[in-house]
């Protein structure tokens, strides 16, 4: 009998079960669920869905900002990166 706990949002699995059922765990993660990996009942890791990466910044918009502010292009790019974090 499998002793993994199932809920709608989160699933818990021991290390052995995680090794044996990695494909199933990853399927759950792909569906947006979180998976907690435990060692002797103590949580040690979490599998979570990866957030999609944002695209490359619109360089036309960056150039317009540079011209408007009369700033250096490198400073405008750094500022654009800071806005994303």
Protein backbone atom coordinates (compact mmCIF):
# COMPACT_ATOMS: atom_id res chain seq x y z
CA UNK A 1 0.00 0.00 0.00
CA UNK A 2 1.34 3.41 -0.95
CA UNK A 3 1.56 5.90 1.88
CA UNK A 4 1.78 9.08 -0.20
CA UNK A 5 -0.70 11.72 0.81
CA UNK A 6 -2.82 13.32 -1.89
CA UNK A 7 -4.61 16.65 -1.76
CA UNK A 8 -5.81 18.96 -4.52
CA UNK A 9 -3.00 21.47 -4.13
CA UNK A 10 -0.15 19.52 -2.56
CA UNK A 11 1.22 16.00 -2.53
CA UNK A 12 3.76 14.51 -0.12
CA UNK A 13 6.09 11.61 -0.87
CA UNK A 14 8.97 9.98 0.94
CA UNK A 15 12.36 9.70 -0.73
CA UNK A 16 11.85 6.09 -1.82
CA UNK A 17 8.43 6.82 -3.28
CA UNK A 18 9.78 9.91 -5.04
CA UNK A 19 12.48 7.80 -6.70
CA UNK A 20 10.02 5.10 -7.71
CA UNK A 21 7.24 7.45 -8.84
CA UNK A 22 9.11 10.47 -10.19
CA UNK A 23 7.12 10.50 -13.44
CA UNK A 24 3.83 10.61 -11.55
CA UNK A 25 5.11 13.36 -9.25
CA UNK A 26 6.27 15.43 -12.22
CA UNK A 27 2.86 14.97 -13.87
CA UNK A 28 1.29 16.51 -10.76
CA UNK A 29 3.77 19.39 -10.85
CA UNK A 30 2.94 20.00 -14.52
CA UNK A 31 -0.71 20.31 -13.45
CA UNK A 32 0.25 23.10 -11.05
CA UNK A 33 0.46 21.12 -7.82
CA UNK A 34 3.30 21.28 -5.33
CA UNK A 35 5.06 18.11 -4.16
CA UNK A 36 6.84 17.86 -0.81
CA UNK A 37 9.63 15.29 -0.55
CA UNK A 38 10.19 14.05 2.99
CA UNK A 39 12.93 12.08 4.71
CA UNK A 40 11.58 10.03 7.62
CA UNK A 41 8.53 12.28 7.82
CA UNK A 42 10.52 15.55 7.78
CA UNK A 43 10.11 17.78 4.69
CA UNK A 44 13.44 18.21 2.89
CA UNK A 45 12.52 19.39 -0.62
CA UNK A 46 9.68 20.84 -2.65
CA UNK A 47 8.88 20.37 -6.33
CA UNK A 48 7.00 23.35 -7.74
CA UNK A 49 5.99 24.38 -11.26
CA UNK A 50 8.48 26.62 -13.05
CA UNK A 51 7.30 30.14 -13.74
CA UNK A 52 7.48 31.05 -17.42
CA UNK A 53 10.38 33.34 -18.23
CA UNK A 54 9.68 36.81 -19.46
CA UNK A 55 10.80 37.67 -22.94
CA UNK A 56 13.71 39.86 -23.90
CA UNK A 57 13.03 43.57 -23.21
CA UNK A 58 11.65 45.71 -26.01
CA UNK A 59 14.80 47.53 -27.09
CA UNK A 60 12.81 50.20 -28.96
CA UNK A 61 11.13 51.20 -25.70
CA UNK A 62 14.49 51.20 -23.90
CA UNK A 63 16.01 53.43 -26.58
CA UNK A 64 13.08 55.86 -26.33
CA UNK A 65 13.59 56.06 -22.58
CA UNK A 66 17.29 56.69 -23.07
CA UNK A 67 16.66 59.51 -25.51
CA UNK A 68 13.98 61.04 -23.30
CA UNK A 69 16.13 60.89 -20.17
CA UNK A 70 19.42 61.47 -22.00
CA UNK A 71 20.84 58.57 -20.00
CA UNK A 72 23.37 55.95 -20.99
CA UNK A 73 21.94 52.88 -22.72
CA UNK A 74 23.64 50.54 -20.23
CA UNK A 75 21.97 52.35 -17.31
CA UNK A 76 18.57 52.09 -19.00
CA UNK A 77 18.99 48.35 -19.52
CA UNK A 78 19.98 47.82 -15.88
CA UNK A 79 16.99 49.90 -14.79
CA UNK A 80 14.68 47.80 -16.98
CA UNK A 81 16.06 44.62 -15.39
CA UNK A 82 15.54 46.04 -11.90
CA UNK A 83 11.89 46.80 -12.76
CA UNK A 84 11.28 43.08 -13.39
CA UNK A 85 12.60 41.89 -10.05
